């Protein structure tokens, strides 16, 4: 994992806590006040708590891990303990304004099914994920190693991630599934927006999605 200032930049990458707050703020910018939101793979519910405190949203978290479910309860979040890999059959069509999966899609096996279900139960989906094609990751692979970085902070032998994909890969999948990309944002490890070749220079990607008409 990279530590301290990145060579030649004089800047420090965001800390883990700063990255989490940054992730929450980007997502919140796409959520209108008072919306009804579903957060998939919600962990201990901190994103939903942030959205409730800052946007007055209502909604549910979905989580499978026992300890995370207990964390949701401690955070005052309504949580449903199910495995989202099996779908979201318990939720009616368009019962939420937004369905969110924040930096968890890469840990899912049923990628296509999850994206389809998100846009069945909600009018829009918000997805964020680490971009495997980020230049630092490419440099690690060129040196013969699996990448370990701020946004991919695990060694190959203990990572929860099962899908390693890029911005280009994700957009190709959206096209295949008939999903419209309403908005895309990419950022580097300093939290700065990237517009020049995001697939190379973006460490973290955010998407706002809808079904194509």
N, C-alpha and C. Protein backbone atom coordinates (compact mmCIF):
# COMPACT_ATOMS: atom_id res chain seq x y z
N UNK A 1 0.84 -1.19 0.00
CA UNK A 1 0.00 0.00 0.00
C UNK A 1 0.88 1.24 0.00
N UNK A 2 0.46 2.28 -0.69
CA UNK A 2 1.24 3.50 -0.71
C UNK A 2 1.03 4.25 0.60
N UNK A 3 2.08 4.89 1.08
CA UNK A 3 2.00 5.61 2.35
C UNK A 3 2.63 6.98 2.17
N UNK A 4 2.16 7.95 2.99
CA UNK A 4 2.74 9.28 2.99
C UNK A 4 2.48 10.00 1.67
N UNK A 5 3.36 10.95 1.36
CA UNK A 5 3.20 11.74 0.14
C UNK A 5 3.52 10.87 -1.07
N UNK A 6 2.73 11.03 -2.14
CA UNK A 6 3.06 10.36 -3.39
C UNK A 6 4.22 11.09 -4.04
N UNK A 7 5.14 10.33 -4.57
CA UNK A 7 6.36 10.89 -5.15
C UNK A 7 6.03 11.93 -6.21
N UNK A 8 6.62 13.12 -6.04
CA UNK A 8 6.48 14.16 -7.04
C UNK A 8 5.24 15.01 -6.90
N UNK A 9 4.35 14.70 -5.95
CA UNK A 9 3.11 15.47 -5.84
C UNK A 9 3.14 16.44 -4.67
N UNK A 10 3.88 16.11 -3.60
CA UNK A 10 3.85 16.94 -2.41
C UNK A 10 2.53 16.90 -1.68
N UNK A 11 1.67 15.93 -2.01
CA UNK A 11 0.34 15.84 -1.43
C UNK A 11 0.18 14.50 -0.72
N UNK A 12 -0.62 14.50 0.33
CA UNK A 12 -0.93 13.28 1.06
C UNK A 12 -2.25 12.71 0.56
N UNK A 13 -2.31 11.42 0.25
CA UNK A 13 -3.60 10.80 -0.07
C UNK A 13 -4.55 10.92 1.11
N UNK A 14 -5.85 10.89 0.82
CA UNK A 14 -6.84 10.94 1.88
C UNK A 14 -6.66 9.75 2.81
N UNK A 15 -6.86 9.97 4.09
CA UNK A 15 -6.84 8.88 5.05
C UNK A 15 -8.12 8.04 4.87
N UNK A 16 -8.15 6.88 5.52
CA UNK A 16 -9.33 6.02 5.42
C UNK A 16 -10.59 6.74 5.87
N UNK A 17 -10.51 7.48 6.97
CA UNK A 17 -11.67 8.22 7.48
C UNK A 17 -12.07 9.32 6.52
N UNK A 18 -11.06 10.04 5.98
CA UNK A 18 -11.35 11.10 5.01
C UNK A 18 -11.97 10.53 3.74
N UNK A 19 -11.50 9.36 3.29
CA UNK A 19 -12.05 8.75 2.08
C UNK A 19 -13.51 8.36 2.30
N UNK A 20 -13.82 7.83 3.49
CA UNK A 20 -15.20 7.45 3.77
C UNK A 20 -16.11 8.67 3.74
N UNK A 21 -15.71 9.76 4.41
CA UNK A 21 -16.53 10.96 4.42
C UNK A 21 -16.66 11.55 3.01
N UNK A 22 -15.58 11.47 2.25
CA UNK A 22 -15.60 11.96 0.88
C UNK A 22 -16.60 11.16 0.05
N UNK A 23 -16.55 9.83 0.18
CA UNK A 23 -17.48 8.94 -0.53
C UNK A 23 -18.92 9.29 -0.17
N UNK A 24 -19.20 9.48 1.11
CA UNK A 24 -20.55 9.81 1.55
C UNK A 24 -21.01 11.14 0.94
N UNK A 25 -20.12 12.13 0.93
CA UNK A 25 -20.49 13.45 0.43
C UNK A 25 -20.81 13.43 -1.06
N UNK A 26 -20.03 12.69 -1.83
CA UNK A 26 -20.30 12.59 -3.28
C UNK A 26 -21.67 11.96 -3.51
N UNK A 27 -21.96 10.88 -2.80
CA UNK A 27 -23.24 10.20 -2.95
C UNK A 27 -24.38 11.12 -2.51
N UNK A 28 -24.20 11.81 -1.39
CA UNK A 28 -25.25 12.69 -0.87
C UNK A 28 -25.61 13.78 -1.86
N UNK A 29 -24.64 14.20 -2.66
CA UNK A 29 -24.90 15.25 -3.64
C UNK A 29 -25.91 14.83 -4.70
N UNK A 30 -26.09 13.52 -4.88
CA UNK A 30 -27.05 13.00 -5.85
C UNK A 30 -28.39 12.62 -5.22
N UNK A 31 -28.53 12.83 -3.93
CA UNK A 31 -29.74 12.46 -3.22
C UNK A 31 -30.49 13.73 -2.81
N UNK A 32 -31.76 13.82 -3.18
CA UNK A 32 -32.57 14.97 -2.77
C UNK A 32 -33.08 14.77 -1.35
N UNK A 33 -33.35 15.86 -0.69
CA UNK A 33 -33.83 15.81 0.70
C UNK A 33 -35.12 15.00 0.78
N UNK A 34 -35.20 14.13 1.80
CA UNK A 34 -36.42 13.39 2.08
C UNK A 34 -36.65 12.17 1.21
N UNK A 35 -35.68 11.78 0.38
CA UNK A 35 -35.88 10.62 -0.49
C UNK A 35 -35.89 9.31 0.30
N UNK A 36 -36.42 8.28 -0.36
CA UNK A 36 -36.49 6.94 0.22
C UNK A 36 -35.39 6.11 -0.44
N UNK A 37 -34.44 5.61 0.35
CA UNK A 37 -33.18 5.07 -0.16
C UNK A 37 -32.96 3.65 0.34
N UNK A 38 -32.38 2.82 -0.53
CA UNK A 38 -31.96 1.47 -0.16
C UNK A 38 -30.46 1.38 -0.33
N UNK A 39 -29.76 0.99 0.74
CA UNK A 39 -28.30 0.87 0.70
C UNK A 39 -27.93 -0.61 0.80
N UNK A 40 -27.36 -1.13 -0.28
CA UNK A 40 -27.01 -2.55 -0.36
C UNK A 40 -25.57 -2.78 0.10
N UNK A 41 -25.38 -3.83 0.92
CA UNK A 41 -24.07 -4.04 1.49
C UNK A 41 -23.70 -2.87 2.37
N UNK A 42 -24.62 -2.50 3.26
CA UNK A 42 -24.55 -1.22 3.97
C UNK A 42 -23.55 -1.20 5.12
N UNK A 43 -22.90 -2.34 5.42
CA UNK A 43 -21.98 -2.36 6.55
C UNK A 43 -22.70 -2.02 7.83
N UNK A 44 -22.12 -1.12 8.62
CA UNK A 44 -22.75 -0.77 9.89
C UNK A 44 -23.71 0.40 9.79
N UNK A 45 -24.05 0.79 8.56
CA UNK A 45 -25.09 1.80 8.35
C UNK A 45 -24.62 3.24 8.41
N UNK A 46 -23.31 3.46 8.37
CA UNK A 46 -22.82 4.83 8.51
C UNK A 46 -23.24 5.73 7.34
N UNK A 47 -23.30 5.19 6.12
CA UNK A 47 -23.74 6.00 4.99
C UNK A 47 -25.19 6.44 5.18
N UNK A 48 -26.07 5.51 5.55
CA UNK A 48 -27.47 5.87 5.75
C UNK A 48 -27.62 6.87 6.90
N UNK A 49 -26.84 6.70 7.95
CA UNK A 49 -26.89 7.67 9.05
C UNK A 49 -26.47 9.06 8.55
N UNK A 50 -25.41 9.10 7.73
CA UNK A 50 -24.96 10.36 7.16
C UNK A 50 -26.05 10.99 6.30
N UNK A 51 -26.70 10.19 5.46
CA UNK A 51 -27.75 10.71 4.59
C UNK A 51 -28.96 11.16 5.39
N UNK A 52 -29.25 10.46 6.47
CA UNK A 52 -30.36 10.87 7.33
C UNK A 52 -30.05 12.20 8.00
N UNK A 53 -28.84 12.34 8.50
CA UNK A 53 -28.47 13.55 9.21
C UNK A 53 -28.35 14.75 8.28
N UNK A 54 -27.92 14.52 7.04
CA UNK A 54 -27.65 15.62 6.12
C UNK A 54 -28.74 15.85 5.07
N UNK A 55 -29.55 14.83 4.79
CA UNK A 55 -30.58 14.96 3.77
C UNK A 55 -31.97 14.57 4.26
N UNK A 56 -32.06 14.09 5.48
CA UNK A 56 -33.37 13.72 6.03
C UNK A 56 -34.02 12.56 5.28
N UNK A 57 -33.22 11.63 4.78
CA UNK A 57 -33.77 10.51 4.01
C UNK A 57 -34.42 9.49 4.94
N UNK A 58 -35.26 8.66 4.34
CA UNK A 58 -35.73 7.44 4.98
C UNK A 58 -35.19 6.27 4.18
N UNK A 59 -35.29 5.07 4.73
CA UNK A 59 -34.84 3.93 3.95
C UNK A 59 -34.34 2.79 4.79
N UNK A 60 -33.73 1.84 4.09
CA UNK A 60 -33.27 0.60 4.71
C UNK A 60 -31.85 0.29 4.26
N UNK A 61 -31.13 -0.38 5.12
CA UNK A 61 -29.88 -1.00 4.74
C UNK A 61 -30.10 -2.49 4.56
N UNK A 62 -29.31 -3.08 3.68
CA UNK A 62 -29.33 -4.53 3.48
C UNK A 62 -27.92 -5.04 3.73
N UNK A 63 -27.80 -6.03 4.61
CA UNK A 63 -26.48 -6.51 5.01
C UNK A 63 -26.60 -7.97 5.42
N UNK A 64 -25.55 -8.76 5.18
CA UNK A 64 -25.55 -10.18 5.54
C UNK A 64 -24.74 -10.46 6.79
N UNK A 65 -23.71 -9.64 7.05
CA UNK A 65 -22.79 -9.91 8.16
C UNK A 65 -23.43 -9.60 9.51
N UNK A 66 -23.35 -10.54 10.44
CA UNK A 66 -23.99 -10.38 11.75
C UNK A 66 -23.48 -9.15 12.50
N UNK A 67 -22.18 -8.97 12.56
CA UNK A 67 -21.62 -7.84 13.30
C UNK A 67 -22.01 -6.51 12.68
N UNK A 68 -22.07 -6.47 11.35
CA UNK A 68 -22.48 -5.24 10.68
C UNK A 68 -23.94 -4.93 10.95
N UNK A 69 -24.78 -5.96 10.97
CA UNK A 69 -26.19 -5.75 11.30
C UNK A 69 -26.33 -5.15 12.69
N UNK A 70 -25.55 -5.65 13.64
CA UNK A 70 -25.56 -5.09 14.99
C UNK A 70 -25.09 -3.64 14.97
N UNK A 71 -24.11 -3.35 14.13
CA UNK A 71 -23.64 -1.97 13.98
C UNK A 71 -24.74 -1.05 13.46
N UNK A 72 -25.53 -1.55 12.51
CA UNK A 72 -26.67 -0.76 12.00
C UNK A 72 -27.64 -0.44 13.12
N UNK A 73 -27.93 -1.42 13.92
CA UNK A 73 -28.86 -1.21 15.04
C UNK A 73 -28.31 -0.16 15.99
N UNK A 74 -27.01 -0.22 16.29
CA UNK A 74 -26.40 0.79 17.15
C UNK A 74 -26.44 2.17 16.52
N UNK A 75 -26.38 2.23 15.20
CA UNK A 75 -26.43 3.51 14.49
C UNK A 75 -27.86 3.98 14.21
N UNK A 76 -28.84 3.23 14.70
CA UNK A 76 -30.23 3.63 14.52
C UNK A 76 -30.75 3.44 13.11
N UNK A 77 -30.19 2.48 12.38
CA UNK A 77 -30.55 2.24 10.98
C UNK A 77 -31.46 1.02 10.88
N UNK A 78 -32.54 1.15 10.12
CA UNK A 78 -33.40 0.00 9.82
C UNK A 78 -32.66 -0.90 8.84
N UNK A 79 -32.40 -2.13 9.25
CA UNK A 79 -31.59 -3.02 8.43
C UNK A 79 -32.31 -4.35 8.23
N UNK A 80 -32.15 -4.90 7.03
CA UNK A 80 -32.71 -6.20 6.69
C UNK A 80 -31.55 -7.14 6.40
N UNK A 81 -31.52 -8.27 7.09
CA UNK A 81 -30.40 -9.20 6.93
C UNK A 81 -30.74 -10.24 5.88
N UNK A 82 -30.29 -9.98 4.66
CA UNK A 82 -30.43 -10.94 3.56
C UNK A 82 -29.16 -10.89 2.72
N UNK A 83 -29.00 -11.92 1.91
CA UNK A 83 -27.88 -11.99 0.98
C UNK A 83 -28.34 -11.40 -0.35
N UNK A 84 -27.79 -10.25 -0.72
CA UNK A 84 -28.24 -9.59 -1.95
C UNK A 84 -27.85 -10.36 -3.19
N UNK A 85 -26.94 -11.32 -3.07
CA UNK A 85 -26.60 -12.16 -4.22
C UNK A 85 -27.83 -12.91 -4.72
N UNK A 86 -28.78 -13.18 -3.82
CA UNK A 86 -29.98 -13.91 -4.20
C UNK A 86 -31.09 -13.04 -4.75
N UNK A 87 -30.85 -11.74 -4.89
CA UNK A 87 -31.86 -10.84 -5.43
C UNK A 87 -32.57 -10.08 -4.33
N UNK A 88 -33.52 -9.26 -4.75
CA UNK A 88 -34.25 -8.38 -3.83
C UNK A 88 -35.75 -8.61 -3.95
N UNK A 89 -36.14 -9.87 -3.97
CA UNK A 89 -37.54 -10.23 -4.22
C UNK A 89 -38.48 -9.69 -3.15
N UNK A 90 -37.96 -9.36 -1.97
CA UNK A 90 -38.81 -8.83 -0.92
C UNK A 90 -39.21 -7.38 -1.11
N UNK A 91 -38.65 -6.73 -2.12
CA UNK A 91 -38.94 -5.31 -2.38
C UNK A 91 -39.74 -5.17 -3.67
N UNK A 92 -40.76 -4.32 -3.64
CA UNK A 92 -41.59 -4.09 -4.82
C UNK A 92 -40.88 -3.20 -5.82
N UNK A 93 -41.33 -3.26 -7.07
CA UNK A 93 -40.78 -2.41 -8.13
C UNK A 93 -40.90 -0.94 -7.74
N UNK A 94 -39.84 -0.19 -8.01
CA UNK A 94 -39.81 1.27 -7.82
C UNK A 94 -40.29 1.69 -6.44
N UNK A 95 -39.90 0.95 -5.43
CA UNK A 95 -40.28 1.31 -4.07
C UNK A 95 -39.29 2.27 -3.41
N UNK A 96 -38.20 2.57 -4.11
CA UNK A 96 -37.21 3.52 -3.60
C UNK A 96 -36.85 4.52 -4.69
N UNK A 97 -36.41 5.69 -4.28
CA UNK A 97 -35.93 6.66 -5.27
C UNK A 97 -34.53 6.29 -5.75
N UNK A 98 -33.69 5.86 -4.81
CA UNK A 98 -32.33 5.45 -5.15
C UNK A 98 -31.96 4.16 -4.44
N UNK A 99 -31.27 3.29 -5.16
CA UNK A 99 -30.60 2.13 -4.56
C UNK A 99 -29.11 2.37 -4.70
N UNK A 100 -28.38 2.16 -3.62
CA UNK A 100 -26.96 2.48 -3.56
C UNK A 100 -26.15 1.23 -3.27
N UNK A 101 -25.03 1.09 -3.96
CA UNK A 101 -24.03 0.11 -3.55
C UNK A 101 -22.68 0.82 -3.59
N UNK A 102 -22.16 1.09 -2.41
CA UNK A 102 -20.98 1.93 -2.25
C UNK A 102 -19.75 1.08 -1.97
N UNK A 103 -18.86 1.01 -2.96
CA UNK A 103 -17.60 0.28 -2.85
C UNK A 103 -17.79 -1.16 -2.36
N UNK A 104 -18.83 -1.79 -2.85
CA UNK A 104 -19.09 -3.19 -2.49
C UNK A 104 -19.36 -4.06 -3.71
N UNK A 105 -19.61 -3.46 -4.88
CA UNK A 105 -19.94 -4.27 -6.05
C UNK A 105 -18.81 -5.23 -6.40
N UNK A 106 -17.57 -4.82 -6.15
CA UNK A 106 -16.42 -5.67 -6.48
C UNK A 106 -16.34 -6.90 -5.58
N UNK A 107 -17.11 -6.90 -4.49
CA UNK A 107 -17.12 -8.06 -3.59
C UNK A 107 -18.30 -9.00 -3.87
N UNK A 108 -19.05 -8.72 -4.94
CA UNK A 108 -20.24 -9.51 -5.28
C UNK A 108 -19.96 -10.44 -6.46
N UNK A 109 -20.57 -11.62 -6.43
CA UNK A 109 -20.47 -12.55 -7.55
C UNK A 109 -21.50 -12.22 -8.64
N UNK A 110 -22.73 -11.91 -8.22
CA UNK A 110 -23.85 -11.76 -9.17
C UNK A 110 -23.99 -10.32 -9.64
N UNK A 111 -22.96 -9.81 -10.30
CA UNK A 111 -22.91 -8.40 -10.67
C UNK A 111 -24.09 -7.97 -11.53
N UNK A 112 -24.37 -8.71 -12.59
CA UNK A 112 -25.45 -8.34 -13.50
C UNK A 112 -26.79 -8.37 -12.79
N UNK A 113 -27.02 -9.41 -12.00
CA UNK A 113 -28.28 -9.54 -11.30
C UNK A 113 -28.49 -8.40 -10.31
N UNK A 114 -27.44 -8.03 -9.59
CA UNK A 114 -27.55 -6.97 -8.60
C UNK A 114 -27.87 -5.64 -9.27
N UNK A 115 -27.19 -5.31 -10.35
CA UNK A 115 -27.47 -4.06 -11.05
C UNK A 115 -28.91 -4.04 -11.57
N UNK A 116 -29.35 -5.17 -12.12
CA UNK A 116 -30.73 -5.24 -12.61
C UNK A 116 -31.75 -5.06 -11.50
N UNK A 117 -31.49 -5.69 -10.36
CA UNK A 117 -32.41 -5.57 -9.23
C UNK A 117 -32.42 -4.15 -8.65
N UNK A 118 -31.27 -3.51 -8.64
CA UNK A 118 -31.23 -2.13 -8.15
C UNK A 118 -32.15 -1.23 -8.96
N UNK A 119 -32.14 -1.43 -10.28
CA UNK A 119 -32.95 -0.57 -11.14
C UNK A 119 -34.36 -1.10 -11.31
N UNK A 120 -34.66 -2.21 -10.70
CA UNK A 120 -36.05 -2.65 -10.59
C UNK A 120 -36.72 -2.01 -9.38
N UNK A 121 -36.01 -2.01 -8.25
CA UNK A 121 -36.62 -1.53 -7.00
C UNK A 121 -36.50 -0.01 -6.84
N UNK A 122 -35.66 0.64 -7.65
CA UNK A 122 -35.45 2.09 -7.52
C UNK A 122 -35.44 2.76 -8.89
N UNK A 123 -35.77 4.03 -8.89
CA UNK A 123 -35.74 4.79 -10.14
C UNK A 123 -34.33 5.01 -10.65
N UNK A 124 -33.39 5.19 -9.72
CA UNK A 124 -32.00 5.38 -10.08
C UNK A 124 -31.11 4.53 -9.16
N UNK A 125 -29.93 4.20 -9.66
CA UNK A 125 -28.93 3.50 -8.86
C UNK A 125 -27.68 4.36 -8.76
N UNK A 126 -27.03 4.28 -7.62
CA UNK A 126 -25.74 4.93 -7.42
C UNK A 126 -24.72 3.85 -7.07
N UNK A 127 -23.64 3.82 -7.83
CA UNK A 127 -22.60 2.80 -7.65
C UNK A 127 -21.26 3.50 -7.53
N UNK A 128 -20.46 3.10 -6.55
CA UNK A 128 -19.07 3.55 -6.50
C UNK A 128 -18.17 2.34 -6.36
N UNK A 129 -16.98 2.41 -6.96
CA UNK A 129 -16.05 1.28 -6.91
C UNK A 129 -14.63 1.75 -7.19
N UNK A 130 -13.63 1.00 -6.72
CA UNK A 130 -12.24 1.30 -7.06
C UNK A 130 -11.95 0.87 -8.49
N UNK A 131 -11.24 1.71 -9.21
CA UNK A 131 -10.91 1.45 -10.61
C UNK A 131 -9.61 0.65 -10.69
N UNK A 132 -9.73 -0.58 -11.15
CA UNK A 132 -8.57 -1.47 -11.19
C UNK A 132 -7.52 -0.99 -12.20
N UNK A 133 -7.93 -0.15 -13.16
CA UNK A 133 -7.00 0.32 -14.19
C UNK A 133 -6.27 1.60 -13.79
N UNK A 134 -6.46 2.07 -12.58
CA UNK A 134 -5.75 3.25 -12.09
C UNK A 134 -4.24 3.05 -12.26
N UNK A 135 -3.55 4.13 -12.61
CA UNK A 135 -2.14 4.04 -13.00
C UNK A 135 -1.26 3.34 -11.95
N UNK A 136 -1.51 3.59 -10.65
CA UNK A 136 -0.73 2.95 -9.60
C UNK A 136 -0.94 1.44 -9.62
N UNK A 137 -2.17 1.00 -9.90
CA UNK A 137 -2.44 -0.44 -9.99
C UNK A 137 -1.75 -1.04 -11.20
N UNK A 138 -1.76 -0.32 -12.31
CA UNK A 138 -1.06 -0.81 -13.51
C UNK A 138 0.45 -0.95 -13.25
N UNK A 139 1.00 0.01 -12.52
CA UNK A 139 2.43 -0.05 -12.22
C UNK A 139 2.76 -1.27 -11.36
N UNK A 140 1.87 -1.59 -10.41
CA UNK A 140 2.10 -2.76 -9.57
C UNK A 140 2.09 -4.04 -10.39
N UNK A 141 1.11 -4.14 -11.31
CA UNK A 141 1.01 -5.33 -12.15
C UNK A 141 2.23 -5.43 -13.07
N UNK A 142 2.66 -4.28 -13.61
CA UNK A 142 3.84 -4.28 -14.48
C UNK A 142 5.08 -4.74 -13.72
N UNK A 143 5.10 -4.50 -12.41
CA UNK A 143 6.22 -4.94 -11.57
C UNK A 143 6.05 -6.37 -11.08
N UNK A 144 4.95 -7.01 -11.49
CA UNK A 144 4.75 -8.42 -11.16
C UNK A 144 3.95 -8.68 -9.90
N UNK A 145 3.24 -7.65 -9.38
CA UNK A 145 2.49 -7.81 -8.14
C UNK A 145 1.02 -7.44 -8.33
N UNK A 146 0.16 -8.06 -7.54
CA UNK A 146 -1.22 -7.59 -7.46
C UNK A 146 -1.22 -6.25 -6.74
N UNK A 147 -2.05 -5.30 -7.21
CA UNK A 147 -2.01 -3.97 -6.63
C UNK A 147 -2.57 -3.90 -5.22
N UNK A 148 -1.94 -3.06 -4.41
CA UNK A 148 -2.44 -2.68 -3.09
C UNK A 148 -2.35 -1.16 -3.03
N UNK A 149 -3.48 -0.50 -2.84
CA UNK A 149 -3.50 0.96 -2.89
C UNK A 149 -4.52 1.49 -1.89
N UNK A 150 -4.67 2.82 -1.86
CA UNK A 150 -5.63 3.42 -0.94
C UNK A 150 -7.04 2.88 -1.15
N UNK A 151 -7.43 2.67 -2.40
CA UNK A 151 -8.79 2.23 -2.68
C UNK A 151 -8.89 0.73 -2.93
N UNK A 152 -7.76 0.04 -2.96
CA UNK A 152 -7.72 -1.43 -2.98
C UNK A 152 -6.76 -1.86 -1.87
N UNK A 153 -7.17 -1.72 -0.61
CA UNK A 153 -6.23 -1.82 0.50
C UNK A 153 -5.98 -3.22 1.03
N UNK A 154 -6.18 -4.24 0.21
CA UNK A 154 -6.00 -5.61 0.68
C UNK A 154 -4.89 -6.32 -0.11
N UNK A 155 -4.22 -7.24 0.57
CA UNK A 155 -3.31 -8.13 -0.13
C UNK A 155 -4.12 -9.18 -0.89
N UNK A 156 -3.50 -9.80 -1.88
CA UNK A 156 -4.23 -10.75 -2.73
C UNK A 156 -4.81 -11.90 -1.93
N UNK A 157 -4.16 -12.26 -0.81
CA UNK A 157 -4.56 -13.47 -0.07
C UNK A 157 -5.64 -13.19 0.98
N UNK A 158 -5.97 -11.91 1.24
CA UNK A 158 -7.01 -11.65 2.23
C UNK A 158 -8.08 -10.68 1.74
N UNK A 159 -8.11 -10.46 0.44
CA UNK A 159 -9.08 -9.50 -0.10
C UNK A 159 -10.49 -10.08 -0.12
N UNK A 160 -11.50 -9.26 0.22
CA UNK A 160 -12.88 -9.69 0.06
C UNK A 160 -13.37 -9.52 -1.38
N UNK A 161 -12.57 -8.87 -2.21
CA UNK A 161 -12.98 -8.58 -3.59
C UNK A 161 -12.90 -9.83 -4.45
N UNK A 162 -13.93 -10.04 -5.26
CA UNK A 162 -13.95 -11.17 -6.18
C UNK A 162 -14.02 -10.71 -7.64
N UNK A 163 -14.29 -9.44 -7.87
CA UNK A 163 -14.34 -8.87 -9.22
C UNK A 163 -13.36 -7.70 -9.28
N UNK A 164 -12.46 -7.75 -10.24
CA UNK A 164 -11.52 -6.66 -10.44
C UNK A 164 -11.81 -6.07 -11.82
N UNK A 165 -12.42 -4.89 -11.82
CA UNK A 165 -12.87 -4.31 -13.10
C UNK A 165 -12.50 -2.84 -13.16
N UNK A 166 -12.63 -2.29 -14.35
CA UNK A 166 -12.20 -0.93 -14.62
C UNK A 166 -13.39 -0.08 -15.01
N UNK A 167 -13.14 1.22 -15.13
CA UNK A 167 -14.18 2.13 -15.59
C UNK A 167 -14.67 1.71 -16.97
N UNK A 168 -13.76 1.37 -17.86
CA UNK A 168 -14.14 0.93 -19.22
C UNK A 168 -14.97 -0.34 -19.16
N UNK A 169 -14.56 -1.29 -18.32
CA UNK A 169 -15.32 -2.54 -18.17
C UNK A 169 -16.74 -2.28 -17.68
N UNK A 170 -16.86 -1.44 -16.67
CA UNK A 170 -18.17 -1.17 -16.08
C UNK A 170 -19.09 -0.50 -17.09
N UNK A 171 -18.58 0.43 -17.84
CA UNK A 171 -19.42 1.12 -18.83
C UNK A 171 -19.85 0.17 -19.95
N UNK A 172 -18.97 -0.76 -20.32
CA UNK A 172 -19.35 -1.76 -21.32
C UNK A 172 -20.46 -2.66 -20.79
N UNK A 173 -20.41 -3.02 -19.51
CA UNK A 173 -21.46 -3.83 -18.91
C UNK A 173 -22.78 -3.07 -18.86
N UNK A 174 -22.73 -1.80 -18.50
CA UNK A 174 -23.95 -0.99 -18.49
C UNK A 174 -24.59 -0.96 -19.88
N UNK A 175 -23.79 -0.81 -20.92
CA UNK A 175 -24.32 -0.80 -22.28
C UNK A 175 -24.96 -2.14 -22.61
N UNK A 176 -24.32 -3.22 -22.22
CA UNK A 176 -24.86 -4.56 -22.46
C UNK A 176 -26.20 -4.77 -21.77
N UNK A 177 -26.35 -4.21 -20.56
CA UNK A 177 -27.55 -4.43 -19.76
C UNK A 177 -28.64 -3.40 -20.02
N UNK A 178 -28.41 -2.48 -20.96
CA UNK A 178 -29.42 -1.46 -21.24
C UNK A 178 -29.55 -0.43 -20.13
N UNK A 179 -28.42 -0.13 -19.49
CA UNK A 179 -28.39 0.84 -18.39
C UNK A 179 -27.79 2.14 -18.91
N UNK A 180 -28.50 3.23 -18.63
CA UNK A 180 -28.03 4.55 -19.03
C UNK A 180 -27.18 5.16 -17.94
N UNK A 181 -26.03 5.69 -18.31
CA UNK A 181 -25.17 6.40 -17.37
C UNK A 181 -25.60 7.86 -17.36
N UNK A 182 -26.25 8.28 -16.29
CA UNK A 182 -26.73 9.65 -16.18
C UNK A 182 -25.59 10.59 -15.81
N UNK A 183 -24.68 10.10 -15.02
CA UNK A 183 -23.55 10.93 -14.59
C UNK A 183 -22.43 10.03 -14.11
N UNK A 184 -21.19 10.46 -14.40
CA UNK A 184 -20.01 9.74 -13.91
C UNK A 184 -19.04 10.74 -13.32
N UNK A 185 -18.49 10.39 -12.18
CA UNK A 185 -17.43 11.18 -11.56
C UNK A 185 -16.27 10.25 -11.23
N UNK A 186 -15.06 10.74 -11.44
CA UNK A 186 -13.86 9.98 -11.09
C UNK A 186 -12.94 10.88 -10.29
N UNK A 187 -12.24 10.28 -9.31
CA UNK A 187 -11.37 11.04 -8.42
C UNK A 187 -10.06 10.30 -8.22
N UNK A 188 -9.01 11.06 -7.94
CA UNK A 188 -7.74 10.44 -7.61
C UNK A 188 -7.67 10.19 -6.10
N UNK A 189 -6.53 9.69 -5.61
CA UNK A 189 -6.42 9.33 -4.19
C UNK A 189 -6.38 10.54 -3.27
N UNK A 190 -6.28 11.74 -3.85
CA UNK A 190 -6.31 12.97 -3.06
C UNK A 190 -7.72 13.56 -2.98
N UNK A 191 -8.68 12.89 -3.64
CA UNK A 191 -10.04 13.40 -3.66
C UNK A 191 -10.25 14.49 -4.70
N UNK A 192 -9.32 14.60 -5.65
CA UNK A 192 -9.44 15.60 -6.71
C UNK A 192 -10.14 15.01 -7.92
N UNK A 193 -11.07 15.76 -8.54
CA UNK A 193 -11.76 15.24 -9.71
C UNK A 193 -10.82 15.01 -10.88
N UNK A 194 -11.10 13.95 -11.63
CA UNK A 194 -10.27 13.58 -12.78
C UNK A 194 -11.13 13.62 -14.04
N UNK A 195 -10.71 14.40 -15.02
CA UNK A 195 -11.40 14.45 -16.30
C UNK A 195 -10.53 13.94 -17.44
N UNK A 196 -9.20 14.00 -17.26
CA UNK A 196 -8.27 13.54 -18.29
C UNK A 196 -8.03 12.05 -18.13
N UNK A 197 -8.58 11.25 -19.06
CA UNK A 197 -8.42 9.79 -19.07
C UNK A 197 -8.72 9.19 -17.70
N UNK A 198 -9.99 9.23 -17.25
CA UNK A 198 -10.34 8.70 -15.93
C UNK A 198 -9.96 7.24 -15.74
N UNK A 199 -9.96 6.45 -16.80
CA UNK A 199 -9.63 5.03 -16.65
C UNK A 199 -8.16 4.82 -16.28
N UNK A 200 -7.33 5.80 -16.57
CA UNK A 200 -5.92 5.75 -16.19
C UNK A 200 -5.66 6.52 -14.89
N UNK A 201 -6.30 7.67 -14.76
CA UNK A 201 -5.95 8.60 -13.68
C UNK A 201 -6.94 8.60 -12.52
N UNK A 202 -8.05 7.90 -12.65
CA UNK A 202 -9.04 7.87 -11.59
C UNK A 202 -8.89 6.63 -10.71
N UNK A 203 -8.78 6.84 -9.41
CA UNK A 203 -8.68 5.73 -8.47
C UNK A 203 -10.05 5.24 -8.03
N UNK A 204 -11.01 6.15 -7.96
CA UNK A 204 -12.35 5.82 -7.47
C UNK A 204 -13.39 6.41 -8.42
N UNK A 205 -14.40 5.60 -8.79
CA UNK A 205 -15.42 6.03 -9.74
C UNK A 205 -16.80 5.99 -9.09
N UNK A 206 -17.64 6.96 -9.45
CA UNK A 206 -19.01 7.05 -8.98
C UNK A 206 -19.93 7.17 -10.19
N UNK A 207 -21.04 6.44 -10.15
CA UNK A 207 -21.99 6.47 -11.25
C UNK A 207 -23.41 6.67 -10.74
N UNK A 208 -24.17 7.46 -11.49
CA UNK A 208 -25.62 7.57 -11.30
C UNK A 208 -26.27 6.94 -12.53
N UNK A 209 -27.09 5.94 -12.31
CA UNK A 209 -27.58 5.08 -13.39
C UNK A 209 -29.10 5.04 -13.43
N UNK A 210 -29.63 4.75 -14.61
CA UNK A 210 -31.06 4.53 -14.80
C UNK A 210 -31.26 3.56 -15.95
N UNK A 211 -32.45 3.03 -16.06
CA UNK A 211 -32.79 2.18 -17.20
C UNK A 211 -32.91 3.03 -18.46
N UNK A 212 -32.37 2.54 -19.58
CA UNK A 212 -32.56 3.25 -20.84
C UNK A 212 -34.03 3.23 -21.21
N UNK A 213 -34.50 4.35 -21.74
CA UNK A 213 -35.91 4.46 -22.12
C UNK A 213 -36.21 3.48 -23.25
